[in-house]
Amino acid sequence: MSRIFGASEATNRIMQRIYLNGLAKLKNNSFKNEKAKMDWQEFVKTLTLEDLTLVTAKN
């Protein structure tokens, strides 16, 4: 049985999903609470330029 995604590609897709979901919540001001918003903002701060390129890429 072969994998659909390699380990790094799966991680990239997870990071992209977290980033895009958080961005949508930020635009709609729909975070569950302030802590959830702060957690997402901390996640974004940890992204490198390469990570940002991956998470913002159109599929």
PDB file of N, CA and C in Angstrom:
ATOM      1  N   MET A   1       0.845  -1.176   0.000  1.00  0.00           N
ATOM      2  CA  MET A   1       0.000   0.000   0.000  1.00  0.00           C
ATOM      3  C   MET A   1       0.891   1.240   0.000  1.00  0.00           C
ATOM      4  N   SER A   2       0.682   2.120  -0.916  1.00  0.00           N
ATOM      5  CA  SER A   2       1.503   3.321  -0.992  1.00  0.00           C
ATOM      6  C   SER A   2       0.827   4.483  -0.275  1.00  0.00           C
ATOM      7  N   ARG A   3       1.641   5.416   0.147  1.00  0.00           N
ATOM      8  CA  ARG A   3       1.130   6.608   0.811  1.00  0.00           C
ATOM      9  C   ARG A   3       0.614   7.583  -0.230  1.00  0.00           C
ATOM     10  N   ILE A   4      -0.397   8.312   0.141  1.00  0.00           N
ATOM     11  CA  ILE A   4      -0.914   9.345  -0.754  1.00  0.00           C
ATOM     12  C   ILE A   4       0.019  10.544  -0.734  1.00  0.00           C
ATOM     13  N   PHE A   5       0.473  10.921   0.460  1.00  0.00           N
ATOM     14  CA  PHE A   5       1.375  12.056   0.619  1.00  0.00           C
ATOM     15  C   PHE A   5       2.624  11.599   1.349  1.00  0.00           C
ATOM     16  N   GLY A   6       3.754  12.218   1.022  1.00  0.00           N
ATOM     17  CA  GLY A   6       4.944  12.000   1.812  1.00  0.00           C
ATOM     18  C   GLY A   6       4.774  12.710   3.151  1.00  0.00           C
ATOM     19  N   ALA A   7       5.628  12.415   4.086  1.00  0.00           N
ATOM     20  CA  ALA A   7       5.508  12.994   5.426  1.00  0.00           C
ATOM     21  C   ALA A   7       5.529  14.519   5.390  1.00  0.00           C
ATOM     22  N   SER A   8       6.436  15.093   4.632  1.00  0.00           N
ATOM     23  CA  SER A   8       6.527  16.553   4.610  1.00  0.00           C
ATOM     24  C   SER A   8       5.348  17.177   3.873  1.00  0.00           C
ATOM     25  N   GLU A   9       4.849  16.510   2.848  1.00  0.00           N
ATOM     26  CA  GLU A   9       3.699  17.058   2.121  1.00  0.00           C
ATOM     27  C   GLU A   9       2.449  17.037   2.989  1.00  0.00           C
ATOM     28  N   ALA A  10       2.287  15.992   3.774  1.00  0.00           N
ATOM     29  CA  ALA A  10       1.139  15.920   4.685  1.00  0.00           C
ATOM     30  C   ALA A  10       1.221  17.038   5.716  1.00  0.00           C
ATOM     31  N   THR A  11       2.412  17.267   6.240  1.00  0.00           N
ATOM     32  CA  THR A  11       2.609  18.352   7.205  1.00  0.00           C
ATOM     33  C   THR A  11       2.303  19.696   6.567  1.00  0.00           C
ATOM     34  N   ASN A  12       2.740  19.886   5.342  1.00  0.00           N
ATOM     35  CA  ASN A  12       2.474  21.143   4.637  1.00  0.00           C
ATOM     36  C   ASN A  12       0.980  21.368   4.462  1.00  0.00           C
ATOM     37  N   ARG A  13       0.250  20.319   4.129  1.00  0.00           N
ATOM     38  CA  ARG A  13      -1.206  20.444   3.951  1.00  0.00           C
ATOM     39  C   ARG A  13      -1.901  20.765   5.272  1.00  0.00           C
ATOM     40  N   ILE A  14      -1.438  20.167   6.352  1.00  0.00           N
ATOM     41  CA  ILE A  14      -2.010  20.461   7.675  1.00  0.00           C
ATOM     42  C   ILE A  14      -1.743  21.912   8.037  1.00  0.00           C
ATOM     43  N   MET A  15      -0.499  22.360   7.833  1.00  0.00           N
ATOM     44  CA  MET A  15      -0.156  23.752   8.130  1.00  0.00           C
ATOM     45  C   MET A  15      -0.986  24.697   7.273  1.00  0.00           C
ATOM     46  N   GLN A  16      -1.174  24.359   5.999  1.00  0.00           N
ATOM     47  CA  GLN A  16      -1.964  25.201   5.104  1.00  0.00           C
ATOM     48  C   GLN A  16      -3.410  25.282   5.587  1.00  0.00           C
ATOM     49  N   ARG A  17      -3.968  24.158   6.008  1.00  0.00           N
ATOM     50  CA  ARG A  17      -5.352  24.140   6.492  1.00  0.00           C
ATOM     51  C   ARG A  17      -5.495  24.999   7.754  1.00  0.00           C
ATOM     52  N   ILE A  18      -4.547  24.871   8.679  1.00  0.00           N
ATOM     53  CA  ILE A  18      -4.582  25.680   9.901  1.00  0.00           C
ATOM     54  C   ILE A  18      -4.496  27.160   9.548  1.00  0.00           C
ATOM     55  N   TYR A  19      -3.569  27.503   8.652  1.00  0.00           N
ATOM     56  CA  TYR A  19      -3.381  28.901   8.269  1.00  0.00           C
ATOM     57  C   TYR A  19      -4.629  29.473   7.603  1.00  0.00           C
ATOM     58  N   LEU A  20      -5.158  28.761   6.613  1.00  0.00           N
ATOM     59  CA  LEU A  20      -6.308  29.279   5.864  1.00  0.00           C
ATOM     60  C   LEU A  20      -7.576  29.339   6.714  1.00  0.00           C
ATOM     61  N   ASN A  21      -7.790  28.342   7.566  1.00  0.00           N
ATOM     62  CA  ASN A  21      -8.952  28.385   8.458  1.00  0.00           C
ATOM     63  C   ASN A  21      -8.851  29.560   9.423  1.00  0.00           C
ATOM     64  N   GLY A  22      -7.663  29.772   9.976  1.00  0.00           N
ATOM     65  CA  GLY A  22      -7.457  30.896  10.883  1.00  0.00           C
ATOM     66  C   GLY A  22      -7.616  32.229  10.179  1.00  0.00           C
ATOM     67  N   LEU A  23      -7.127  32.324   8.962  1.00  0.00           N
ATOM     68  CA  LEU A  23      -7.255  33.562   8.194  1.00  0.00           C
ATOM     69  C   LEU A  23      -8.721  33.881   7.931  1.00  0.00           C
ATOM     70  N   ALA A  24      -9.501  32.867   7.590  1.00  0.00           N
ATOM     71  CA  ALA A  24     -10.939  33.068   7.364  1.00  0.00           C
ATOM     72  C   ALA A  24     -11.624  33.516   8.653  1.00  0.00           C
ATOM     73  N   LYS A  25     -11.250  32.912   9.768  1.00  0.00           N
ATOM     74  CA  LYS A  25     -11.829  33.306  11.058  1.00  0.00           C
ATOM     75  C   LYS A  25     -11.434  34.735  11.409  1.00  0.00           C
ATOM     76  N   LEU A  26     -10.205  35.113  11.081  1.00  0.00           N
ATOM     77  CA  LEU A  26      -9.745  36.473  11.352  1.00  0.00           C
ATOM     78  C   LEU A  26     -10.546  37.478  10.534  1.00  0.00           C
ATOM     79  N   LYS A  27     -10.756  37.173   9.259  1.00  0.00           N
ATOM     80  CA  LYS A  27     -11.520  38.071   8.387  1.00  0.00           C
ATOM     81  C   LYS A  27     -12.963  38.211   8.844  1.00  0.00           C
ATOM     82  N   ASN A  28     -13.539  37.117   9.364  1.00  0.00           N
ATOM     83  CA  ASN A  28     -14.939  37.125   9.802  1.00  0.00           C
ATOM     84  C   ASN A  28     -15.100  37.400  11.293  1.00  0.00           C
ATOM     85  N   ASN A  29     -13.975  37.604  11.981  1.00  0.00           N
ATOM     86  CA  ASN A  29     -13.988  37.798  13.433  1.00  0.00           C
ATOM     87  C   ASN A  29     -14.791  36.679  14.102  1.00  0.00           C
ATOM     88  N   SER A  30     -14.468  35.429  13.756  1.00  0.00           N
ATOM     89  CA  SER A  30     -15.256  34.301  14.243  1.00  0.00           C
ATOM     90  C   SER A  30     -14.457  33.283  15.060  1.00  0.00           C
ATOM     91  N   PHE A  31     -13.363  33.731  15.677  1.00  0.00           N
ATOM     92  CA  PHE A  31     -12.651  32.835  16.583  1.00  0.00           C
ATOM     93  C   PHE A  31     -13.542  32.548  17.784  1.00  0.00           C
ATOM     94  N   LYS A  32     -13.421  31.348  18.358  1.00  0.00           N
ATOM     95  CA  LYS A  32     -14.252  30.972  19.509  1.00  0.00           C
ATOM     96  C   LYS A  32     -14.018  31.903  20.691  1.00  0.00           C
ATOM     97  N   ASN A  33     -12.766  32.303  20.868  1.00  0.00           N
ATOM     98  CA  ASN A  33     -12.420  33.200  21.973  1.00  0.00           C
ATOM     99  C   ASN A  33     -11.081  33.867  21.665  1.00  0.00           C
ATOM    100  N   GLU A  34     -10.683  34.748  22.535  1.00  0.00           N
ATOM    101  CA  GLU A  34      -9.445  35.504  22.330  1.00  0.00           C
ATOM    102  C   GLU A  34      -8.218  34.588  22.350  1.00  0.00           C
ATOM    103  N   LYS A  35      -8.243  33.558  23.194  1.00  0.00           N
ATOM    104  CA  LYS A  35      -7.111  32.630  23.263  1.00  0.00           C
ATOM    105  C   LYS A  35      -6.922  31.898  21.936  1.00  0.00           C
ATOM    106  N   ALA A  36      -8.006  31.475  21.310  1.00  0.00           N
ATOM    107  CA  ALA A  36      -7.912  30.797  20.010  1.00  0.00           C
ATOM    108  C   ALA A  36      -7.289  31.727  18.973  1.00  0.00           C
ATOM    109  N   LYS A  37      -7.667  32.988  19.013  1.00  0.00           N
ATOM    110  CA  LYS A  37      -7.098  33.972  18.087  1.00  0.00           C
ATOM    111  C   LYS A  37      -5.608  34.157  18.357  1.00  0.00           C
ATOM    112  N   MET A  38      -5.250  34.274  19.632  1.00  0.00           N
ATOM    113  CA  MET A  38      -3.842  34.454  19.993  1.00  0.00           C
ATOM    114  C   MET A  38      -3.020  33.221  19.618  1.00  0.00           C
ATOM    115  N   ASP A  39      -3.583  32.029  19.798  1.00  0.00           N
ATOM    116  CA  ASP A  39      -2.880  30.799  19.418  1.00  0.00           C
ATOM    117  C   ASP A  39      -2.594  30.785  17.920  1.00  0.00           C
ATOM    118  N   TRP A  40      -3.576  31.191  17.113  1.00  0.00           N
ATOM    119  CA  TRP A  40      -3.373  31.217  15.664  1.00  0.00           C
ATOM    120  C   TRP A  40      -2.304  32.254  15.305  1.00  0.00           C
ATOM    121  N   GLN A  41      -2.356  33.411  15.945  1.00  0.00           N
ATOM    122  CA  GLN A  41      -1.367  34.445  15.663  1.00  0.00           C
ATOM    123  C   GLN A  41       0.039  33.977  16.039  1.00  0.00           C
ATOM    124  N   GLU A  42       0.165  33.231  17.123  1.00  0.00           N
ATOM    125  CA  GLU A  42       1.467  32.673  17.509  1.00  0.00           C
ATOM    126  C   GLU A  42       1.941  31.656  16.472  1.00  0.00           C
ATOM    127  N   PHE A  43       1.014  30.850  15.966  1.00  0.00           N
ATOM    128  CA  PHE A  43       1.345  29.890  14.911  1.00  0.00           C
ATOM    129  C   PHE A  43       1.902  30.629  13.695  1.00  0.00           C
ATOM    130  N   VAL A  44       1.255  31.707  13.293  1.00  0.00           N
ATOM    131  CA  VAL A  44       1.691  32.472  12.120  1.00  0.00           C
ATOM    132  C   VAL A  44       3.075  33.067  12.359  1.00  0.00           C
ATOM    133  N   LYS A  45       3.342  33.527  13.576  1.00  0.00           N
ATOM    134  CA  LYS A  45       4.657  34.105  13.886  1.00  0.00           C
ATOM    135  C   LYS A  45       5.781  33.088  13.738  1.00  0.00           C
ATOM    136  N   THR A  46       5.472  31.806  13.934  1.00  0.00           N
ATOM    137  CA  THR A  46       6.516  30.781  13.845  1.00  0.00           C
ATOM    138  C   THR A  46       6.822  30.369  12.410  1.00  0.00           C
ATOM    139  N   LEU A  47       5.992  30.771  11.459  1.00  0.00           N
ATOM    140  CA  LEU A  47       6.193  30.364  10.068  1.00  0.00           C
ATOM    141  C   LEU A  47       7.379  31.094   9.456  1.00  0.00           C
ATOM    142  N   THR A  48       8.203  30.338   8.764  1.00  0.00           N
ATOM    143  CA  THR A  48       9.313  30.931   8.028  1.00  0.00           C
ATOM    144  C   THR A  48       8.787  31.452   6.694  1.00  0.00           C
ATOM    145  N   LEU A  49       9.616  32.149   5.963  1.00  0.00           N
ATOM    146  CA  LEU A  49       9.228  32.637   4.638  1.00  0.00           C
ATOM    147  C   LEU A  49       8.859  31.460   3.728  1.00  0.00           C
ATOM    148  N   GLU A  50       9.617  30.388   3.822  1.00  0.00           N
ATOM    149  CA  GLU A  50       9.320  29.192   3.021  1.00  0.00           C
ATOM    150  C   GLU A  50       7.966  28.603   3.424  1.00  0.00           C
ATOM    151  N   ASP A  51       7.709  28.538   4.737  1.00  0.00           N
ATOM    152  CA  ASP A  51       6.417  28.033   5.221  1.00  0.00           C
ATOM    153  C   ASP A  51       5.273  28.900   4.709  1.00  0.00           C
ATOM    154  N   LEU A  52       5.444  30.216   4.772  1.00  0.00           N
ATOM    155  CA  LEU A  52       4.399  31.126   4.298  1.00  0.00           C
ATOM    156  C   LEU A  52       4.121  30.926   2.814  1.00  0.00           C
ATOM    157  N   THR A  53       5.170  30.691   2.054  1.00  0.00           N
ATOM    158  CA  THR A  53       4.998  30.427   0.627  1.00  0.00           C
ATOM    159  C   THR A  53       4.167  29.163   0.416  1.00  0.00           C
ATOM    160  N   LEU A  54       4.435  28.145   1.201  1.00  0.00           N
ATOM    161  CA  LEU A  54       3.698  26.879   1.073  1.00  0.00           C
ATOM    162  C   LEU A  54       2.241  27.019   1.496  1.00  0.00           C
ATOM    163  N   VAL A  55       1.992  27.687   2.625  1.00  0.00           N
ATOM    164  CA  VAL A  55       0.619  27.744   3.140  1.00  0.00           C
ATOM    165  C   VAL A  55      -0.267  28.698   2.357  1.00  0.00           C
ATOM    166  N   THR A  56       0.330  29.645   1.646  1.00  0.00           N
ATOM    167  CA  THR A  56      -0.474  30.588   0.872  1.00  0.00           C
ATOM    168  C   THR A  56      -0.580  30.206  -0.601  1.00  0.00           C
ATOM    169  N   ALA A  57       0.087  29.118  -1.001  1.00  0.00           N
ATOM    170  CA  ALA A  57       0.061  28.675  -2.402  1.00  0.00           C
ATOM    171  C   ALA A  57      -1.322  28.163  -2.771  1.00  0.00           C
ATOM    172  N   LYS A  58      -1.735  28.466  -3.979  1.00  0.00           N
ATOM    173  CA  LYS A  58      -2.998  27.942  -4.506  1.00  0.00           C
ATOM    174  C   LYS A  58      -2.759  26.526  -4.987  1.00  0.00           C
ATOM    175  N   ASN A  59      -3.679  25.634  -4.683  1.00  0.00           N
ATOM    176  CA  ASN A  59      -3.546  24.232  -5.131  1.00  0.00           C
ATOM    177  C   ASN A  59      -4.160  24.042  -6.479  1.00  0.00           C
TER     178      ASN A  59
END
